[in-house]
Protein backbone atom coordinates (compact mmCIF):
# COMPACT_ATOMS: atom_id res chain seq x y z
CA MET A 1 -30.28 -30.76 19.55
CA GLU A 2 -33.50 -32.06 21.01
CA ASN A 3 -35.38 -31.85 17.77
CA GLN A 4 -34.53 -31.44 14.12
CA TRP A 5 -37.04 -28.96 12.78
CA ARG A 6 -38.24 -29.42 9.24
CA ILE A 7 -38.64 -26.23 7.26
CA VAL A 8 -42.41 -26.63 7.18
CA ASP A 9 -42.48 -26.93 11.00
CA VAL A 10 -40.40 -23.79 11.42
CA LEU A 11 -42.65 -21.88 9.03
CA ARG A 12 -45.77 -23.16 10.82
CA HIS A 13 -44.53 -22.07 14.25
CA SER A 14 -43.28 -18.74 12.94
CA ARG A 15 -46.57 -18.07 11.13
CA HIS A 16 -48.49 -18.94 14.31
CA ASP A 17 -46.39 -16.51 16.38
CA TRP A 18 -46.82 -13.71 13.85
CA LEU A 19 -50.57 -14.28 13.54
CA ASN A 20 -50.86 -14.01 17.32
CA LYS A 21 -49.02 -10.70 17.25
CA ILE A 22 -51.10 -9.35 14.36
CA GLN A 23 -54.34 -10.41 16.08
CA LEU A 24 -53.20 -8.65 19.24
CA ILE A 25 -52.57 -5.46 17.28
CA LYS A 26 -55.85 -5.79 15.38
CA GLY A 27 -57.83 -6.36 18.60
CA ASN A 28 -56.32 -3.31 20.26
CA LEU A 29 -56.96 -1.21 17.15
CA ALA A 30 -60.61 -2.30 17.22
CA LEU A 31 -60.78 -1.10 20.83
CA ASN A 32 -59.08 2.13 19.76
CA LYS A 33 -56.18 1.49 22.14
CA ILE A 34 -53.55 3.15 20.00
CA GLU A 35 -51.07 3.52 22.87
CA ARG A 36 -51.23 -0.24 23.52
CA VAL A 37 -50.76 -0.93 19.77
CA ASN A 38 -47.61 1.20 19.82
CA GLU A 39 -46.36 -0.71 22.91
CA ILE A 40 -46.97 -4.05 21.15
CA ILE A 41 -45.12 -2.87 18.05
CA ASP A 42 -42.21 -1.66 20.20
CA GLU A 43 -42.14 -5.08 21.95
CA ILE A 44 -42.04 -6.84 18.56
CA ILE A 45 -39.20 -4.61 17.37
CA CYS A 46 -37.23 -5.26 20.58
CA GLU A 47 -37.82 -9.03 20.24
CA MET A 48 -36.59 -8.99 16.63
CA GLN A 49 -33.51 -6.96 17.61
CA GLN A 50 -32.72 -9.53 20.31
CA GLU A 51 -33.11 -12.37 17.78
CA THR A 52 -30.68 -10.56 15.50
CA LYS A 53 -28.15 -10.12 18.31
CA LEU A 54 -28.53 -13.79 19.30
CA THR A 55 -27.94 -15.05 15.77
CA ASN A 56 -24.99 -12.65 15.34
CA LEU A 57 -23.19 -14.56 18.09
CA LYS A 58 -22.71 -17.29 15.45
CA ALA A 59 -23.64 -20.07 17.86
CA VAL A 60 -26.16 -21.63 15.49
CA GLN A 61 -27.27 -24.59 17.64
CA PHE A 62 -27.59 -22.38 20.72
CA ALA A 63 -29.57 -19.70 18.86
CA GLU A 64 -31.88 -22.34 17.38
CA TRP A 65 -32.44 -23.90 20.80
CA MET A 66 -33.19 -20.53 22.43
CA MET A 67 -35.43 -19.26 19.64
CA THR A 68 -37.49 -22.46 19.44
CA TYR A 69 -37.61 -23.38 23.13
CA ASN A 70 -41.11 -21.99 23.71
CA TRP A 71 -42.51 -23.70 20.62
CA LYS A 72 -42.96 -26.91 22.62
CA THR A 73 -45.30 -27.33 25.57
CA ARG A 74 -43.08 -26.62 28.55
CA LEU A 75 -43.38 -26.08 32.28
CA ILE A 76 -40.98 -23.13 32.02
CA SER A 77 -41.25 -20.17 29.68
CA LEU A 78 -37.94 -18.80 28.41
CA GLU A 79 -36.89 -15.31 27.38
CA TYR A 80 -33.45 -13.93 26.58
CA GLU A 81 -31.56 -10.73 25.95
CA VAL A 82 -28.12 -10.13 24.49
CA LEU A 83 -26.07 -7.25 25.85
CA GLY A 84 -22.86 -5.93 24.36
CA ASP A 85 -21.22 -6.23 20.97
CA GLU A 86 -21.15 -9.16 18.59
CA CYS A 87 -18.67 -11.98 19.00
CA ASP A 88 -18.04 -15.36 17.46
CA LEU A 89 -19.19 -18.14 19.78
CA SER A 90 -19.12 -20.82 17.05
CA PRO A 91 -16.16 -22.69 18.68
CA TYR A 92 -18.23 -22.97 21.90
CA ASP A 93 -21.63 -23.62 20.31
CA ALA A 94 -21.94 -27.34 21.11
CA ASP A 95 -20.71 -26.96 24.71
CA LEU A 96 -22.93 -23.96 25.40
CA THR A 97 -25.99 -25.65 23.88
CA ALA A 98 -25.36 -28.90 25.77
CA TRP A 99 -24.88 -27.20 29.13
CA SER A 100 -27.87 -24.88 28.74
CA SER A 101 -30.27 -27.51 27.41
CA GLN A 102 -29.29 -30.00 30.14
CA PHE A 103 -29.77 -27.32 32.78
CA LEU A 104 -33.19 -26.32 31.45
CA ASN A 105 -34.20 -30.00 31.19
CA LEU A 106 -33.26 -30.41 34.85
CA MET A 107 -35.24 -27.30 35.78
CA GLU A 108 -38.25 -28.67 33.86
CA THR A 109 -38.14 -31.83 36.00
CA GLU A 110 -37.94 -29.75 39.17
CA ALA A 111 -40.75 -27.31 38.23
CA GLU A 112 -44.34 -28.06 39.18
CA ALA A 113 -46.97 -28.09 36.47
CA HIS A 114 -49.42 -25.92 38.37
CA GLY A 115 -46.90 -23.12 38.93
CA GLU A 116 -45.96 -20.14 36.82
CA ASN A 117 -42.33 -20.82 35.98
CA HIS A 118 -40.13 -18.43 34.07
CA MET A 119 -36.46 -18.39 33.08
CA SER A 120 -34.77 -15.24 31.83
CA VAL A 121 -31.30 -15.55 30.28
CA SER A 122 -29.09 -12.49 29.92
CA ILE A 123 -26.09 -12.97 27.63
CA GLU A 124 -23.48 -10.31 28.19
CA VAL A 125 -20.58 -10.04 25.75
CA PHE A 126 -17.24 -8.67 26.99
CA LYS A 127 -13.89 -8.43 25.19
CA LYS A 128 -12.45 -11.66 26.59
CA GLU A 129 -15.51 -13.55 27.78
CA VAL A 130 -19.24 -14.02 27.57
CA LYS A 131 -21.34 -14.33 30.71
CA LEU A 132 -24.77 -15.95 30.80
CA PHE A 133 -27.00 -15.10 33.74
CA PHE A 134 -29.94 -17.51 34.24
CA ASP A 135 -32.66 -16.00 36.42
CA TYR A 136 -35.45 -18.41 37.35
CA CYS A 137 -38.66 -17.59 39.17
CA GLY A 138 -41.14 -20.36 39.87
CA THR A 139 -41.66 -23.61 41.71
CA ILE A 140 -38.74 -25.79 42.77
CA LYS A 141 -39.47 -29.33 43.94
CA ASP A 142 -35.99 -30.43 45.02
CA LYS A 143 -33.35 -27.74 45.57
CA ASN A 144 -30.74 -30.35 46.52
CA ARG A 145 -30.98 -32.08 43.16
CA ILE A 146 -30.35 -28.77 41.37
CA VAL A 147 -27.41 -27.94 43.65
CA GLN A 148 -25.93 -31.39 43.06
CA TRP A 149 -26.28 -31.02 39.28
CA LEU A 150 -24.70 -27.56 39.29
CA ARG A 151 -21.77 -28.74 41.41
CA SER A 152 -21.15 -31.67 39.10
CA HIS A 153 -21.26 -29.39 36.05
CA GLN A 154 -19.01 -26.56 37.29
CA GLN A 155 -16.64 -27.03 34.36
CA GLN A 156 -18.02 -28.63 31.23
CA ALA A 157 -15.59 -28.09 28.38
CA ALA A 158 -15.71 -24.36 27.54
CA VAL A 159 -18.52 -23.55 29.98
CA ARG A 160 -17.55 -22.62 33.52
CA LEU A 161 -19.99 -22.12 36.40
CA GLU A 162 -19.12 -18.93 38.29
CA SER A 163 -21.86 -18.86 40.91
CA PHE A 164 -25.38 -19.87 41.81
CA HIS A 165 -27.95 -18.97 44.46
CA ILE A 166 -31.08 -20.94 45.14
CA HIS A 167 -34.08 -20.11 47.30
CA ASN A 168 -37.60 -21.52 47.56
CA HIS A 169 -38.96 -19.96 44.38
CA GLU A 170 -35.91 -18.31 42.85
CA LEU A 171 -32.65 -19.43 41.34
CA THR A 172 -29.80 -17.50 39.74
CA VAL A 173 -26.90 -19.09 37.91
CA LEU A 174 -23.93 -17.34 36.31
CA ILE A 175 -21.77 -19.17 33.77
CA ASN A 176 -19.02 -17.86 31.52
CA ILE A 177 -17.04 -18.74 28.44
CA ALA A 178 -13.55 -17.22 28.25
CA PHE A 179 -11.95 -16.65 24.86
């Protein structure tokens, strides 16, 4: 892991996130924007359901990394969704975390600070495998460096690269873990 969070740090970040959400609701209530308040509440519920699904994959390091990624100042914002039923990814936790964090670290070095850079990760659970689809939209300084890294990390322990496509401001990567 990049950082060992102390309990007080986790509580501070979590409290900050929740205060932001409550202030957003309160501000919209003050403006009598009830429909927007309901949308915000629905977004919060969806986010909490996704956190639950992520933690139910039993990949503790990976879940911690995903859930705390945006707590640091980053050039890339990260969001995720989990599709499908629960499964036990604990045997693959270290490999999945290592591959994903190395990949995002690379993308951070290839993103420009002035750009709006966003990575969405869809985790789809099947009976005999899990697929992770990384969808990046933002600035890319050196496409060749990313391609070279992906080619050199096609098979890293349990994680296997299925495909990738890279364009000027977009990148998609599909990896899988077979059980």
